[in-house]
C-alpha atoms as a PDB file:
ATOM      1  CA  MET A   1      -5.059 -28.355  27.401  1.00  0.00           C
ATOM      2  CA  LYS A   2      -2.091 -26.007  27.199  1.00  0.00           C
ATOM      3  CA  VAL A   3      -0.574 -25.212  23.812  1.00  0.00           C
ATOM      4  CA  ILE A   4       2.866 -23.666  23.221  1.00  0.00           C
ATOM      5  CA  ILE A   5       3.212 -21.921  19.848  1.00  0.00           C
ATOM      6  CA  VAL A   6       6.591 -20.926  18.410  1.00  0.00           C
ATOM      7  CA  GLY A   7       6.495 -18.300  15.637  1.00  0.00           C
ATOM      8  CA  ALA A   8       4.101 -15.372  15.206  1.00  0.00           C
ATOM      9  CA  GLY A   9       3.629 -15.133  11.476  1.00  0.00           C
ATOM     10  CA  ILE A  10       0.270 -15.651   9.794  1.00  0.00           C
ATOM     11  CA  GLY A  11       0.241 -19.391  10.549  1.00  0.00           C
ATOM     12  CA  GLY A  12       1.239 -18.993  14.185  1.00  0.00           C
ATOM     13  CA  LEU A  13      -1.222 -16.186  14.890  1.00  0.00           C
ATOM     14  CA  THR A  14      -4.087 -18.098  13.254  1.00  0.00           C
ATOM     15  CA  THR A  15      -3.224 -21.172  15.327  1.00  0.00           C
ATOM     16  CA  HIS A  16      -3.206 -18.995  18.440  1.00  0.00           C
ATOM     17  CA  LEU A  17      -6.665 -17.686  17.636  1.00  0.00           C
ATOM     18  CA  VAL A  18      -8.080 -21.153  16.864  1.00  0.00           C
ATOM     19  CA  CYS A  19      -6.733 -22.577  20.140  1.00  0.00           C
ATOM     20  CA  GLN A  20      -7.921 -19.527  22.069  1.00  0.00           C
ATOM     21  CA  ARG A  21     -11.458 -19.868  20.661  1.00  0.00           C
ATOM     22  CA  ALA A  22     -11.411 -23.604  21.486  1.00  0.00           C
ATOM     23  CA  GLY A  23     -10.770 -22.779  25.140  1.00  0.00           C
ATOM     24  CA  PHE A  24      -7.163 -23.952  25.345  1.00  0.00           C
ATOM     25  CA  ALA A  25      -4.531 -22.136  27.382  1.00  0.00           C
ATOM     26  CA  VAL A  26      -2.008 -20.594  24.975  1.00  0.00           C
ATOM     27  CA  GLU A  27       1.573 -19.410  25.391  1.00  0.00           C
ATOM     28  CA  HIS A  28       2.994 -17.899  22.216  1.00  0.00           C
ATOM     29  CA  TYR A  29       6.649 -17.063  21.518  1.00  0.00           C
ATOM     30  CA  GLU A  30       8.277 -15.095  18.687  1.00  0.00           C
ATOM     31  CA  ARG A  31      12.003 -14.532  18.145  1.00  0.00           C
ATOM     32  CA  GLN A  32      11.652 -10.974  16.782  1.00  0.00           C
ATOM     33  CA  PRO A  33      11.645  -8.235  19.442  1.00  0.00           C
ATOM     34  CA  HIS A  34       8.780  -6.494  17.649  1.00  0.00           C
ATOM     35  CA  LEU A  35       6.365  -7.340  14.844  1.00  0.00           C
ATOM     36  CA  GLY A  36       6.670  -4.880  11.988  1.00  0.00           C
ATOM     37  CA  PRO A  37       5.807  -4.976   8.281  1.00  0.00           C
ATOM     38  CA  ALA A  38       5.530  -8.587   7.128  1.00  0.00           C
ATOM     39  CA  GLY A  39       6.394  -9.163   3.489  1.00  0.00           C
ATOM     40  CA  ALA A  40       4.340  -7.989   0.528  1.00  0.00           C
ATOM     41  CA  GLY A  41       1.000  -9.507  -0.466  1.00  0.00           C
ATOM     42  CA  ILE A  42      -0.889 -12.785  -0.349  1.00  0.00           C
ATOM     43  CA  VAL A  43      -4.054 -14.128  -1.959  1.00  0.00           C
ATOM     44  CA  LEU A  44      -6.579 -15.579   0.475  1.00  0.00           C
ATOM     45  CA  TRP A  45      -8.516 -18.189  -1.478  1.00  0.00           C
ATOM     46  CA  PRO A  46     -11.969 -19.389  -0.317  1.00  0.00           C
ATOM     47  CA  ASN A  47     -10.608 -22.159   1.939  1.00  0.00           C
ATOM     48  CA  GLY A  48      -8.527 -19.654   3.922  1.00  0.00           C
ATOM     49  CA  VAL A  49     -11.288 -17.048   3.941  1.00  0.00           C
ATOM     50  CA  LYS A  50     -13.721 -19.632   5.385  1.00  0.00           C
ATOM     51  CA  VAL A  51     -11.370 -20.194   8.335  1.00  0.00           C
ATOM     52  CA  LEU A  52     -11.243 -16.476   9.125  1.00  0.00           C
ATOM     53  CA  LEU A  53     -15.010 -16.144   8.713  1.00  0.00           C
ATOM     54  CA  ALA A  54     -15.542 -19.039  11.143  1.00  0.00           C
ATOM     55  CA  LEU A  55     -13.295 -17.213  13.620  1.00  0.00           C
ATOM     56  CA  GLY A  56     -15.548 -14.143  13.461  1.00  0.00           C
ATOM     57  CA  LEU A  57     -13.157 -11.958  11.479  1.00  0.00           C
ATOM     58  CA  GLY A  58     -15.379 -11.364   8.454  1.00  0.00           C
ATOM     59  CA  GLU A  59     -15.896  -7.631   8.937  1.00  0.00           C
ATOM     60  CA  GLN A  60     -12.222  -6.919   9.581  1.00  0.00           C
ATOM     61  CA  LEU A  61     -11.269  -9.050   6.587  1.00  0.00           C
ATOM     62  CA  ARG A  62     -13.607  -7.119   4.292  1.00  0.00           C
ATOM     63  CA  GLN A  63     -11.885  -3.902   5.380  1.00  0.00           C
ATOM     64  CA  ILE A  64      -8.400  -5.082   4.387  1.00  0.00           C
ATOM     65  CA  GLY A  65      -9.395  -7.339   1.464  1.00  0.00           C
ATOM     66  CA  HIS A  66      -9.970  -6.280  -2.113  1.00  0.00           C
ATOM     67  CA  ASN A  67     -12.675  -7.525  -4.444  1.00  0.00           C
ATOM     68  CA  LEU A  68     -11.216  -9.251  -7.481  1.00  0.00           C
ATOM     69  CA  ASP A  69     -13.419  -9.634 -10.569  1.00  0.00           C
ATOM     70  CA  ARG A  70     -11.129 -11.545 -12.910  1.00  0.00           C
ATOM     71  CA  VAL A  71      -7.589 -12.767 -13.487  1.00  0.00           C
ATOM     72  CA  VAL A  72      -6.185 -12.475 -17.020  1.00  0.00           C
ATOM     73  CA  THR A  73      -3.188 -14.540 -18.149  1.00  0.00           C
ATOM     74  CA  ARG A  74      -1.140 -13.514 -21.189  1.00  0.00           C
ATOM     75  CA  THR A  75       2.142 -14.383 -22.852  1.00  0.00           C
ATOM     76  CA  HIS A  76       5.160 -12.133 -22.372  1.00  0.00           C
ATOM     77  CA  GLN A  77       4.210 -10.560 -25.710  1.00  0.00           C
ATOM     78  CA  GLY A  78       0.696  -9.722 -24.488  1.00  0.00           C
ATOM     79  CA  GLU A  79      -1.172 -12.484 -26.329  1.00  0.00           C
ATOM     80  CA  PRO A  80      -4.178 -13.871 -24.378  1.00  0.00           C
ATOM     81  CA  LEU A  81      -3.851 -17.309 -22.767  1.00  0.00           C
ATOM     82  CA  SER A  82      -6.783 -17.539 -20.337  1.00  0.00           C
ATOM     83  CA  GLU A  83      -9.217 -15.540 -18.248  1.00  0.00           C
ATOM     84  CA  MET A  84     -10.750 -16.630 -14.945  1.00  0.00           C
ATOM     85  CA  THR A  85     -13.951 -15.034 -13.656  1.00  0.00           C
ATOM     86  CA  VAL A  86     -13.472 -14.874  -9.890  1.00  0.00           C
ATOM     87  CA  GLY A  87     -17.165 -14.415  -9.107  1.00  0.00           C
ATOM     88  CA  GLU A  88     -18.023 -17.838 -10.523  1.00  0.00           C
ATOM     89  CA  LEU A  89     -15.274 -19.429  -8.424  1.00  0.00           C
ATOM     90  CA  GLU A  90     -16.593 -17.681  -5.312  1.00  0.00           C
ATOM     91  CA  ARG A  91     -20.143 -18.891  -5.970  1.00  0.00           C
ATOM     92  CA  ARG A  92     -18.990 -22.473  -6.420  1.00  0.00           C
ATOM     93  CA  LEU A  93     -16.778 -22.505  -3.327  1.00  0.00           C
ATOM     94  CA  GLY A  94     -18.962 -20.378  -1.074  1.00  0.00           C
ATOM     95  CA  ALA A  95     -16.519 -17.664  -0.025  1.00  0.00           C
ATOM     96  CA  PRO A  96     -14.713 -14.656  -1.550  1.00  0.00           C
ATOM     97  CA  VAL A  97     -11.188 -14.423  -2.933  1.00  0.00           C
ATOM     98  CA  TYR A  98      -9.235 -11.610  -1.246  1.00  0.00           C
ATOM     99  CA  PRO A  99      -5.811 -10.298  -2.256  1.00  0.00           C
ATOM    100  CA  VAL A 100      -4.458  -8.658   0.911  1.00  0.00           C
ATOM    101  CA  SER A 101      -1.311  -7.077   2.261  1.00  0.00           C
ATOM    102  CA  ARG A 102       0.547  -9.500   4.539  1.00  0.00           C
ATOM    103  CA  THR A 103       1.173  -6.653   6.968  1.00  0.00           C
ATOM    104  CA  ASP A 104      -2.551  -5.847   7.107  1.00  0.00           C
ATOM    105  CA  LEU A 105      -3.426  -9.510   7.675  1.00  0.00           C
ATOM    106  CA  GLN A 106      -0.848  -9.860  10.430  1.00  0.00           C
ATOM    107  CA  ALA A 107      -2.204  -6.729  12.137  1.00  0.00           C
ATOM    108  CA  LEU A 108      -5.755  -8.104  11.906  1.00  0.00           C
ATOM    109  CA  LEU A 109      -4.720 -11.365  13.580  1.00  0.00           C
ATOM    110  CA  LEU A 110      -2.615  -9.580  16.204  1.00  0.00           C
ATOM    111  CA  GLY A 111      -5.670  -7.559  17.172  1.00  0.00           C
ATOM    112  CA  ALA A 112      -7.680 -10.736  17.730  1.00  0.00           C
ATOM    113  CA  VAL A 113      -5.323 -12.883  19.838  1.00  0.00           C
ATOM    114  CA  ALA A 114      -4.771 -12.544  23.591  1.00  0.00           C
ATOM    115  CA  PRO A 115      -1.901 -10.005  23.834  1.00  0.00           C
ATOM    116  CA  GLU A 116      -0.797 -11.148  27.277  1.00  0.00           C
ATOM    117  CA  ALA A 117      -0.040 -14.610  25.867  1.00  0.00           C
ATOM    118  CA  LEU A 118       2.358 -13.346  23.173  1.00  0.00           C
ATOM    119  CA  HIS A 119       6.024 -13.096  24.181  1.00  0.00           C
ATOM    120  CA  LEU A 120       8.432 -11.347  21.796  1.00  0.00           C
ATOM    121  CA  GLY A 121      12.220 -11.549  21.661  1.00  0.00           C
ATOM    122  CA  ALA A 122      12.169 -15.274  22.482  1.00  0.00           C
ATOM    123  CA  ARG A 123      14.321 -17.376  20.127  1.00  0.00           C
ATOM    124  CA  CYS A 124      13.564 -21.085  20.413  1.00  0.00           C
ATOM    125  CA  VAL A 125      16.751 -23.184  20.268  1.00  0.00           C
ATOM    126  CA  ARG A 126      15.421 -26.681  20.970  1.00  0.00           C
ATOM    127  CA  VAL A 127      12.384 -28.689  22.057  1.00  0.00           C
ATOM    128  CA  GLU A 128      12.008 -31.910  23.959  1.00  0.00           C
ATOM    129  CA  GLN A 129       9.135 -34.291  24.590  1.00  0.00           C
ATOM    130  CA  THR A 130       8.322 -36.702  27.406  1.00  0.00           C
ATOM    131  CA  ALA A 131       5.416 -39.078  27.906  1.00  0.00           C
ATOM    132  CA  SER A 132       3.411 -36.306  29.570  1.00  0.00           C
ATOM    133  CA  ASP A 133       4.386 -32.985  27.976  1.00  0.00           C
ATOM    134  CA  ALA A 134       6.518 -31.048  25.484  1.00  0.00           C
ATOM    135  CA  THR A 135       8.910 -28.211  26.326  1.00  0.00           C
ATOM    136  CA  ALA A 136      10.371 -25.395  24.252  1.00  0.00           C
ATOM    137  CA  HIS A 137      13.756 -24.008  25.333  1.00  0.00           C
ATOM    138  CA  PHE A 138      14.766 -20.452  24.468  1.00  0.00           C
ATOM    139  CA  GLU A 139      18.090 -18.736  23.914  1.00  0.00           C
ATOM    140  CA  ASP A 140      17.737 -16.553  27.030  1.00  0.00           C
ATOM    141  CA  GLY A 141      17.209 -19.559  29.319  1.00  0.00           C
ATOM    142  CA  ARG A 142      13.433 -19.474  29.470  1.00  0.00           C
ATOM    143  CA  THR A 143      11.392 -22.632  29.017  1.00  0.00           C
ATOM    144  CA  ALA A 144       7.726 -23.203  28.193  1.00  0.00           C
ATOM    145  CA  ALA A 145       6.011 -26.544  28.803  1.00  0.00           C
ATOM    146  CA  GLY A 146       2.591 -27.664  27.625  1.00  0.00           C
ATOM    147  CA  ASP A 147       0.597 -30.579  26.289  1.00  0.00           C
ATOM    148  CA  LEU A 148       2.019 -29.868  22.844  1.00  0.00           C
ATOM    149  CA  VAL A 149       4.358 -27.472  21.051  1.00  0.00           C
ATOM    150  CA  VAL A 150       3.288 -26.124  17.649  1.00  0.00           C
ATOM    151  CA  GLY A 151       6.028 -25.077  15.245  1.00  0.00           C
ATOM    152  CA  ALA A 152       5.211 -22.024  13.107  1.00  0.00           C
ATOM    153  CA  ASP A 153       8.791 -20.795  13.051  1.00  0.00           C
ATOM    154  CA  GLY A 154       9.507 -20.537   9.356  1.00  0.00           C
ATOM    155  CA  ILE A 155      11.646 -22.237   6.754  1.00  0.00           C
ATOM    156  CA  HIS A 156      14.514 -22.921   9.181  1.00  0.00           C
ATOM    157  CA  SER A 157      12.134 -24.318  11.808  1.00  0.00           C
ATOM    158  CA  VAL A 158      13.668 -25.626  15.033  1.00  0.00           C
ATOM    159  CA  ILE A 159      10.451 -27.541  15.703  1.00  0.00           C
ATOM    160  CA  ARG A 160      10.458 -29.291  12.309  1.00  0.00           C
ATOM    161  CA  ARG A 161      14.079 -30.324  12.834  1.00  0.00           C
ATOM    162  CA  ALA A 162      13.122 -31.909  16.168  1.00  0.00           C
ATOM    163  CA  VAL A 163      10.320 -33.895  14.493  1.00  0.00           C
ATOM    164  CA  VAL A 164      11.868 -35.035  11.197  1.00  0.00           C
ATOM    165  CA  GLY A 165      15.583 -34.306  11.586  1.00  0.00           C
ATOM    166  CA  GLU A 166      17.801 -32.130   9.409  1.00  0.00           C
ATOM    167  CA  VAL A 167      16.054 -31.300   6.121  1.00  0.00           C
ATOM    168  CA  GLU A 168      17.768 -28.967   3.667  1.00  0.00           C
ATOM    169  CA  PRO A 169      15.267 -26.595   2.006  1.00  0.00           C
ATOM    170  CA  ARG A 170      14.937 -27.506  -1.677  1.00  0.00           C
ATOM    171  CA  TYR A 171      15.677 -24.625  -4.004  1.00  0.00           C
ATOM    172  CA  SER A 172      13.069 -24.443  -6.775  1.00  0.00           C
ATOM    173  CA  GLY A 173      15.397 -22.853  -9.321  1.00  0.00           C
ATOM    174  CA  MET A 174      13.292 -19.676  -9.367  1.00  0.00           C
ATOM    175  CA  ALA A 175      13.843 -16.395  -7.561  1.00  0.00           C
ATOM    176  CA  ASN A 176      10.888 -14.113  -6.839  1.00  0.00           C
ATOM    177  CA  TRP A 177      10.898 -10.341  -6.357  1.00  0.00           C
ATOM    178  CA  VAL A 178       7.759  -9.078  -4.612  1.00  0.00           C
ATOM    179  CA  GLY A 179       6.518  -5.717  -3.379  1.00  0.00           C
ATOM    180  CA  ILE A 180       3.631  -3.272  -3.085  1.00  0.00           C
ATOM    181  CA  ILE A 181       3.371   0.001  -4.992  1.00  0.00           C
ATOM    182  CA  ALA A 182       0.677   2.622  -5.620  1.00  0.00           C
ATOM    183  CA  ASN A 183      -1.733   1.659  -8.400  1.00  0.00           C
ATOM    184  CA  ASP A 184      -1.542   4.973 -10.233  1.00  0.00           C
ATOM    185  CA  GLY A 185      -3.480   3.877 -13.284  1.00  0.00           C
ATOM    186  CA  LEU A 186      -1.205   0.911 -13.942  1.00  0.00           C
ATOM    187  CA  GLN A 187      -4.106  -1.518 -14.301  1.00  0.00           C
ATOM    188  CA  PRO A 188      -7.879  -1.829 -13.666  1.00  0.00           C
ATOM    189  CA  GLU A 189      -8.803  -1.734  -9.996  1.00  0.00           C
ATOM    190  CA  HIS A 190     -10.467  -5.175  -9.841  1.00  0.00           C
ATOM    191  CA  THR A 191      -8.421  -7.157 -12.365  1.00  0.00           C
ATOM    192  CA  GLY A 192      -5.345  -9.279 -11.794  1.00  0.00           C
ATOM    193  CA  PHE A 193      -2.813  -9.985 -14.532  1.00  0.00           C
ATOM    194  CA  GLU A 194      -0.230 -12.697 -15.070  1.00  0.00           C
ATOM    195  CA  PHE A 195       2.350 -12.741 -17.866  1.00  0.00           C
ATOM    196  CA  LEU A 196       4.268 -15.938 -18.704  1.00  0.00           C
ATOM    197  CA  GLY A 197       7.106 -16.704 -21.080  1.00  0.00           C
ATOM    198  CA  GLU A 198      10.843 -17.193 -21.581  1.00  0.00           C
ATOM    199  CA  GLY A 199      11.127 -18.943 -18.209  1.00  0.00           C
ATOM    200  CA  LYS A 200       9.817 -15.836 -16.437  1.00  0.00           C
ATOM    201  CA  ARG A 201       6.610 -14.791 -14.725  1.00  0.00           C
ATOM    202  CA  CYS A 202       5.049 -11.453 -13.797  1.00  0.00           C
ATOM    203  CA  GLY A 203       1.987 -11.269 -11.565  1.00  0.00           C
ATOM    204  CA  LEU A 204       0.033  -8.103 -10.680  1.00  0.00           C
ATOM    205  CA  LEU A 205      -2.860  -8.000  -8.218  1.00  0.00           C
ATOM    206  CA  PRO A 206      -4.813  -4.998  -6.882  1.00  0.00           C
ATOM    207  CA  LEU A 207      -4.988  -4.422  -3.125  1.00  0.00           C
ATOM    208  CA  ALA A 208      -7.200  -2.261  -0.931  1.00  0.00           C
ATOM    209  CA  GLY A 209      -6.097   1.358  -0.641  1.00  0.00           C
ATOM    210  CA  ASN A 210      -5.369   1.758  -4.352  1.00  0.00           C
ATOM    211  CA  ARG A 211      -2.222  -0.375  -4.131  1.00  0.00           C
ATOM    212  CA  LEU A 212      -0.737  -3.015  -6.395  1.00  0.00           C
ATOM    213  CA  TYR A 213       1.000  -6.225  -5.331  1.00  0.00           C
ATOM    214  CA  PHE A 214       3.623  -7.361  -7.830  1.00  0.00           C
ATOM    215  CA  GLY A 215       5.678 -10.513  -8.176  1.00  0.00           C
ATOM    216  CA  PHE A 216       8.441 -11.027 -10.742  1.00  0.00           C
ATOM    217  CA  ALA A 217       9.965 -14.520 -11.007  1.00  0.00           C
ATOM    218  CA  GLY A 218      12.871 -15.772 -13.079  1.00  0.00           C
ATOM    219  CA  ALA A 219      15.114 -18.811 -13.304  1.00  0.00           C
ATOM    220  CA  THR A 220      18.350 -18.261 -11.358  1.00  0.00           C
ATOM    221  CA  ASP A 221      21.023 -20.591 -10.057  1.00  0.00           C
ATOM    222  CA  LYS A 222      21.275 -21.143  -6.312  1.00  0.00           C
ATOM    223  CA  GLY A 223      23.789 -18.794  -4.767  1.00  0.00           C
ATOM    224  CA  ASP A 224      24.059 -16.475  -7.768  1.00  0.00           C
ATOM    225  CA  ALA A 225      26.110 -13.424  -6.835  1.00  0.00           C
ATOM    226  CA  LEU A 226      24.366 -10.068  -7.062  1.00  0.00           C
ATOM    227  CA  PRO A 227      25.556  -7.823  -9.889  1.00  0.00           C
ATOM    228  CA  ARG A 228      26.883  -4.361  -9.168  1.00  0.00           C
ATOM    229  CA  GLY A 229      23.724  -2.343  -8.568  1.00  0.00           C
ATOM    230  CA  GLY A 230      22.000  -4.964  -6.412  1.00  0.00           C
ATOM    231  CA  ARG A 231      18.567  -6.538  -6.733  1.00  0.00           C
ATOM    232  CA  ARG A 232      17.088  -3.882  -8.995  1.00  0.00           C
ATOM    233  CA  ARG A 233      19.924  -4.255 -11.484  1.00  0.00           C
ATOM    234  CA  GLN A 234      19.564  -8.039 -11.348  1.00  0.00           C
ATOM    235  CA  LEU A 235      15.830  -7.788 -12.054  1.00  0.00           C
ATOM    236  CA  ARG A 236      16.363  -5.363 -14.933  1.00  0.00           C
ATOM    237  CA  GLU A 237      18.859  -7.737 -16.500  1.00  0.00           C
ATOM    238  CA  LEU A 238      16.483 -10.697 -16.165  1.00  0.00           C
ATOM    239  CA  SER A 239      13.602  -8.721 -17.665  1.00  0.00           C
ATOM    240  CA  ALA A 240      15.566  -7.652 -20.708  1.00  0.00           C
ATOM    241  CA  PRO A 241      14.327  -9.301 -23.942  1.00  0.00           C
END
């Protein structure tokens, strides 16, 4: 079987590796001309960790993952709401919980897939299917045909549009600011925090390398114009009491 994959984010690279390990021929296409830093952080819960362990990536995952002991949830005024002991969850589900950098995870997966099968700078513009195969067509005139085409090409997926038609992404009413900073004594090394209140959320999770992954969320209208001063000014205004 020959599999064509469009999109080389975390989902696309994992699919590539699964198909590769299953013995399928893989051709993989990504619209970006190079793969650089990929977002901020992500939490790999036991179901996702089990997939990577089954693919033989346990040692590499332990190098980029960070052990999390507990997650504490409080109100915006610091009053306790709940506390989850991560170790108990791991024992019940049979695998660790790892907060990781998305860039580190992408690099791990890139190092495991067949590099000769990954083609960069290839923007998929349409797909078609016949009784015997499926074909991806690219902006530069290239085509790639296989037994199936897998769409991992993001929120504005060309592949999804071919399968289900035009679907407008549904705005949740919340905007999220995420990033990674040095954990210079901001919080305990193995504890995650979440603060909730006033229609806002703040999440803080430790990462390997003495780093901290943060996420600030607040209710905003779709298409809100940025204030003078940009995103940082907008976030400061939302965080004001």
